[in-house]
């Protein structure tokens, strides 16, 4: 079964969570990451394996949370350190 991906990315000065053809905007990266993890957890509980990816470059993504492998809810130390605001 394919993983459902929730991608956290910066777009036009704000942060977004994108999955399939849906996208939600957030004002802060941490807020977007928490929302993506919550969505991925719900997806996983419904029998759909899921993963949260953070876009770090145009075609580079880091896995930050995986259903069934990562703790839920994650502690701050489980999440990647946030880059300085630009």
N, C-alpha and C. Protein backbone atom coordinates (compact mmCIF):
# COMPACT_ATOMS: atom_id res chain seq x y z
N UNK A 1 0.85 -1.18 0.00
CA UNK A 1 0.00 0.00 0.00
C UNK A 1 0.90 1.24 0.00
N UNK A 2 0.57 2.20 -0.83
CA UNK A 2 1.36 3.42 -0.95
C UNK A 2 1.15 4.33 0.26
N UNK A 3 2.21 5.04 0.61
CA UNK A 3 2.13 6.00 1.70
C UNK A 3 1.40 7.26 1.24
N UNK A 4 0.55 7.79 2.09
CA UNK A 4 -0.03 9.10 1.84
C UNK A 4 0.98 10.12 2.35
N UNK A 5 1.36 11.06 1.50
CA UNK A 5 2.36 12.06 1.86
C UNK A 5 1.71 13.39 2.20
N UNK A 6 2.17 13.96 3.30
CA UNK A 6 1.78 15.31 3.69
C UNK A 6 3.07 16.12 3.64
N UNK A 7 3.13 17.08 2.72
CA UNK A 7 4.35 17.83 2.49
C UNK A 7 4.21 19.24 3.08
N UNK A 8 5.17 19.60 3.93
CA UNK A 8 5.23 20.94 4.52
C UNK A 8 6.23 21.73 3.67
N UNK A 9 5.77 22.87 3.13
CA UNK A 9 6.63 23.67 2.27
C UNK A 9 6.35 25.15 2.42
N UNK A 10 7.34 25.95 2.09
CA UNK A 10 7.18 27.40 2.16
C UNK A 10 6.72 27.87 0.79
N UNK A 11 5.67 28.68 0.79
CA UNK A 11 5.11 29.17 -0.46
C UNK A 11 4.62 30.60 -0.28
N UNK A 12 5.19 31.50 -1.05
CA UNK A 12 4.75 32.91 -1.06
C UNK A 12 4.72 33.52 0.34
N UNK A 13 5.78 33.32 1.09
CA UNK A 13 5.90 33.95 2.40
C UNK A 13 5.14 33.28 3.53
N UNK A 14 4.41 32.22 3.23
CA UNK A 14 3.71 31.48 4.29
C UNK A 14 4.07 30.01 4.16
N UNK A 15 3.53 29.22 5.04
CA UNK A 15 3.80 27.78 5.04
C UNK A 15 2.54 27.05 4.61
N UNK A 16 2.72 25.93 3.92
CA UNK A 16 1.58 25.15 3.44
C UNK A 16 1.79 23.68 3.74
N UNK A 17 0.66 22.98 3.86
CA UNK A 17 0.66 21.52 3.95
C UNK A 17 -0.09 21.05 2.71
N UNK A 18 0.59 20.25 1.91
CA UNK A 18 0.02 19.77 0.66
C UNK A 18 -0.07 18.25 0.71
N UNK A 19 -1.22 17.72 0.28
CA UNK A 19 -1.41 16.28 0.17
C UNK A 19 -2.36 16.04 -1.00
N UNK A 20 -1.90 15.21 -1.93
CA UNK A 20 -2.67 14.96 -3.14
C UNK A 20 -3.00 16.30 -3.81
N UNK A 21 -4.26 16.61 -4.01
CA UNK A 21 -4.62 17.87 -4.67
C UNK A 21 -5.14 18.90 -3.68
N UNK A 22 -4.92 18.69 -2.39
CA UNK A 22 -5.39 19.63 -1.38
C UNK A 22 -4.22 20.36 -0.75
N UNK A 23 -4.47 21.61 -0.36
CA UNK A 23 -3.42 22.41 0.27
C UNK A 23 -4.05 23.35 1.29
N UNK A 24 -3.37 23.47 2.45
CA UNK A 24 -3.80 24.40 3.50
C UNK A 24 -2.64 25.30 3.84
N UNK A 25 -2.91 26.58 4.09
CA UNK A 25 -1.87 27.56 4.41
C UNK A 25 -1.81 27.84 5.90
N UNK A 26 -0.60 28.14 6.37
CA UNK A 26 -0.36 28.46 7.78
C UNK A 26 0.63 29.61 7.85
N UNK A 27 0.59 30.37 8.92
CA UNK A 27 1.49 31.52 9.06
C UNK A 27 2.86 31.12 9.59
N UNK A 28 2.97 29.97 10.23
CA UNK A 28 4.25 29.56 10.83
C UNK A 28 4.58 28.11 10.47
N UNK A 29 5.88 27.83 10.35
CA UNK A 29 6.33 26.50 10.00
C UNK A 29 5.91 25.47 11.06
N UNK A 30 6.08 25.79 12.32
CA UNK A 30 5.74 24.85 13.39
C UNK A 30 4.25 24.51 13.35
N UNK A 31 3.42 25.50 13.11
CA UNK A 31 1.97 25.29 13.00
C UNK A 31 1.66 24.34 11.83
N UNK A 32 2.33 24.53 10.71
CA UNK A 32 2.12 23.67 9.55
C UNK A 32 2.59 22.24 9.83
N UNK A 33 3.74 22.10 10.49
CA UNK A 33 4.23 20.76 10.81
C UNK A 33 3.28 20.02 11.74
N UNK A 34 2.78 20.70 12.77
CA UNK A 34 1.85 20.07 13.70
C UNK A 34 0.55 19.66 12.99
N UNK A 35 0.05 20.52 12.10
CA UNK A 35 -1.16 20.19 11.36
C UNK A 35 -0.94 18.99 10.45
N UNK A 36 0.21 18.95 9.78
CA UNK A 36 0.52 17.83 8.89
C UNK A 36 0.62 16.53 9.67
N UNK A 37 1.23 16.57 10.83
CA UNK A 37 1.37 15.36 11.66
C UNK A 37 -0.01 14.91 12.16
N UNK A 38 -0.85 15.84 12.55
CA UNK A 38 -2.20 15.51 12.99
C UNK A 38 -2.97 14.84 11.85
N UNK A 39 -2.90 15.42 10.65
CA UNK A 39 -3.59 14.85 9.48
C UNK A 39 -3.05 13.46 9.14
N UNK A 40 -1.73 13.31 9.18
CA UNK A 40 -1.11 12.03 8.87
C UNK A 40 -1.49 10.97 9.91
N UNK A 41 -1.57 11.37 11.17
CA UNK A 41 -1.97 10.44 12.23
C UNK A 41 -3.40 9.95 12.01
N UNK A 42 -4.30 10.87 11.67
CA UNK A 42 -5.69 10.49 11.41
C UNK A 42 -5.77 9.54 10.22
N UNK A 43 -5.01 9.84 9.19
CA UNK A 43 -4.96 9.00 8.00
C UNK A 43 -4.48 7.59 8.38
N UNK A 44 -3.43 7.52 9.17
CA UNK A 44 -2.88 6.24 9.60
C UNK A 44 -3.87 5.45 10.43
N UNK A 45 -4.58 6.13 11.33
CA UNK A 45 -5.58 5.45 12.15
C UNK A 45 -6.72 4.89 11.30
N UNK A 46 -6.92 5.47 10.13
CA UNK A 46 -7.95 5.01 9.21
C UNK A 46 -7.42 3.96 8.23
N UNK A 47 -6.24 3.42 8.52
CA UNK A 47 -5.71 2.33 7.71
C UNK A 47 -4.89 2.74 6.51
N UNK A 48 -4.56 4.03 6.40
CA UNK A 48 -3.78 4.51 5.27
C UNK A 48 -2.40 4.94 5.79
N UNK A 49 -1.36 4.16 5.55
CA UNK A 49 -0.02 4.54 6.00
C UNK A 49 0.32 5.95 5.53
N UNK A 50 0.96 6.73 6.39
CA UNK A 50 1.21 8.12 6.05
C UNK A 50 2.56 8.60 6.56
N UNK A 51 3.04 9.65 5.92
CA UNK A 51 4.35 10.22 6.24
C UNK A 51 4.27 11.73 6.07
N UNK A 52 5.03 12.46 6.88
CA UNK A 52 5.13 13.92 6.76
C UNK A 52 6.53 14.24 6.27
N UNK A 53 6.59 15.02 5.20
CA UNK A 53 7.86 15.42 4.61
C UNK A 53 8.00 16.93 4.70
N UNK A 54 9.22 17.40 4.93
CA UNK A 54 9.54 18.82 4.95
C UNK A 54 10.38 19.12 3.72
N UNK A 55 9.90 20.04 2.88
CA UNK A 55 10.67 20.41 1.70
C UNK A 55 11.81 21.31 2.12
N UNK A 56 13.05 20.85 1.87
CA UNK A 56 14.24 21.60 2.29
C UNK A 56 14.93 22.28 1.12
N UNK A 57 14.63 21.87 -0.08
CA UNK A 57 15.14 22.47 -1.31
C UNK A 57 14.13 22.14 -2.40
N UNK A 58 14.35 22.69 -3.59
CA UNK A 58 13.36 22.52 -4.65
C UNK A 58 12.93 21.07 -4.87
N UNK A 59 13.89 20.16 -4.89
CA UNK A 59 13.55 18.75 -5.10
C UNK A 59 14.08 17.86 -3.99
N UNK A 60 14.19 18.43 -2.78
CA UNK A 60 14.72 17.67 -1.64
C UNK A 60 13.71 17.71 -0.50
N UNK A 61 13.45 16.53 0.07
CA UNK A 61 12.47 16.40 1.14
C UNK A 61 13.06 15.55 2.25
N UNK A 62 12.84 15.97 3.49
CA UNK A 62 13.27 15.21 4.66
C UNK A 62 12.03 14.65 5.35
N UNK A 63 12.08 13.38 5.71
CA UNK A 63 10.98 12.78 6.47
C UNK A 63 11.05 13.28 7.90
N UNK A 64 9.95 13.86 8.39
CA UNK A 64 9.96 14.36 9.77
C UNK A 64 9.03 13.56 10.69
N UNK A 65 8.12 12.76 10.10
CA UNK A 65 7.21 11.97 10.93
C UNK A 65 6.61 10.86 10.08
N UNK A 66 6.51 9.65 10.66
CA UNK A 66 5.93 8.51 9.96
C UNK A 66 4.95 7.80 10.89
N UNK A 67 3.73 7.56 10.41
CA UNK A 67 2.73 6.88 11.21
C UNK A 67 3.22 5.48 11.58
N UNK A 68 3.08 5.13 12.84
CA UNK A 68 3.47 3.81 13.31
C UNK A 68 4.93 3.69 13.71
N UNK A 69 5.74 4.68 13.35
CA UNK A 69 7.16 4.66 13.70
C UNK A 69 7.53 5.81 14.64
N UNK A 70 6.91 6.97 14.42
CA UNK A 70 7.23 8.17 15.19
C UNK A 70 6.24 8.34 16.33
N UNK A 71 6.68 8.92 17.45
CA UNK A 71 5.75 9.13 18.57
C UNK A 71 4.67 10.15 18.21
N UNK A 72 3.48 9.94 18.75
CA UNK A 72 2.39 10.91 18.58
C UNK A 72 1.77 11.19 19.94
N UNK A 73 1.62 12.45 20.29
CA UNK A 73 2.15 13.60 19.56
C UNK A 73 3.66 13.68 19.72
N UNK A 74 4.33 14.26 18.73
CA UNK A 74 5.79 14.37 18.83
C UNK A 74 6.20 15.42 19.85
N UNK A 75 7.32 15.21 20.48
CA UNK A 75 7.85 16.25 21.36
C UNK A 75 8.64 17.23 20.50
N UNK A 76 8.92 18.38 21.03
CA UNK A 76 9.65 19.39 20.27
C UNK A 76 11.00 18.85 19.80
N UNK A 77 11.62 18.00 20.60
CA UNK A 77 12.93 17.45 20.24
C UNK A 77 12.83 16.42 19.12
N UNK A 78 11.62 15.91 18.84
CA UNK A 78 11.44 14.96 17.75
C UNK A 78 11.34 15.65 16.39
N UNK A 79 11.07 16.95 16.40
CA UNK A 79 10.90 17.69 15.15
C UNK A 79 12.23 18.34 14.75
N UNK A 80 12.41 18.57 13.43
CA UNK A 80 13.65 19.22 13.01
C UNK A 80 13.74 20.63 13.57
N UNK A 81 14.94 21.11 13.78
CA UNK A 81 15.09 22.48 14.27
C UNK A 81 14.64 23.42 13.18
N UNK A 82 14.01 24.48 13.59
CA UNK A 82 13.45 25.43 12.65
C UNK A 82 14.52 26.40 12.16
N UNK A 83 14.55 26.64 10.84
CA UNK A 83 15.51 27.63 10.34
C UNK A 83 15.11 29.02 10.78
N UNK A 84 16.06 29.91 10.77
CA UNK A 84 15.74 31.30 11.12
C UNK A 84 14.78 31.86 10.09
N UNK A 85 13.85 32.69 10.54
CA UNK A 85 12.87 33.29 9.64
C UNK A 85 13.60 34.16 8.61
N UNK A 86 13.10 34.07 7.37
CA UNK A 86 13.70 34.89 6.32
C UNK A 86 12.69 35.83 5.73
